[in-house]
Amino acid sequence: MEVRECPYCHKKVSLRKCSICFLRVTSNSIRCNHCNYSISLLKEPISVSACVAVGFLSMVIPMNFFLCYMHFSFGKALMYTFPIIVVEIILSMILTLRKIKFKRTYWATSVPDISSLSIRILNRRFEHSFLKREEVPSQKTLNAVVKYWSTNIKIC
């Protein structure tokens, strides 16, 4: 399997979806932007201890250099250290994106599609209305309601 490849449809997952992995814990799952199946990380692309060590060293070493050897004030040293920290964060994101791999989640096959779920709910509601009156909704009405639900209601 390639880097950033969905295990279901075998297409590359978008950078936007992968960037969610930077903000969340690796145990959370995301959805593929092509097939909408739930996928999770195979393993941590870069270990947390390595990221913390590199991040700490990229802050401490330049800050001490600007404070002790260049004799800058704290604010000026912080302003000179900030671009180095930003470059380090960008490099760690690039390395993570180059090593990220996904796996199938065990419950992803049982997640229903939004349209089939909403049709089932609508059919149950209309079945109850059939007991009260003898009106049968048309397929066009059902499709319009499903289209409205799928565009206006977001299920997380």
Foldseek 3Di string as FASTA:
>chain_A
DAFQADPPPRDHADPVQVVVCVVDPQVAWTAGPPPRFTKGWPDQLDDPVVLVVVLVCLQPVQLCCCCPVVVDDNVVSCVVSVVSNVVSVVVVSVSRSRRTDIDHDPCRVVDDDQLVVLLVVVVVVVVVVCVVDPDDDDPVVSVVVSVVCVVPPDDD
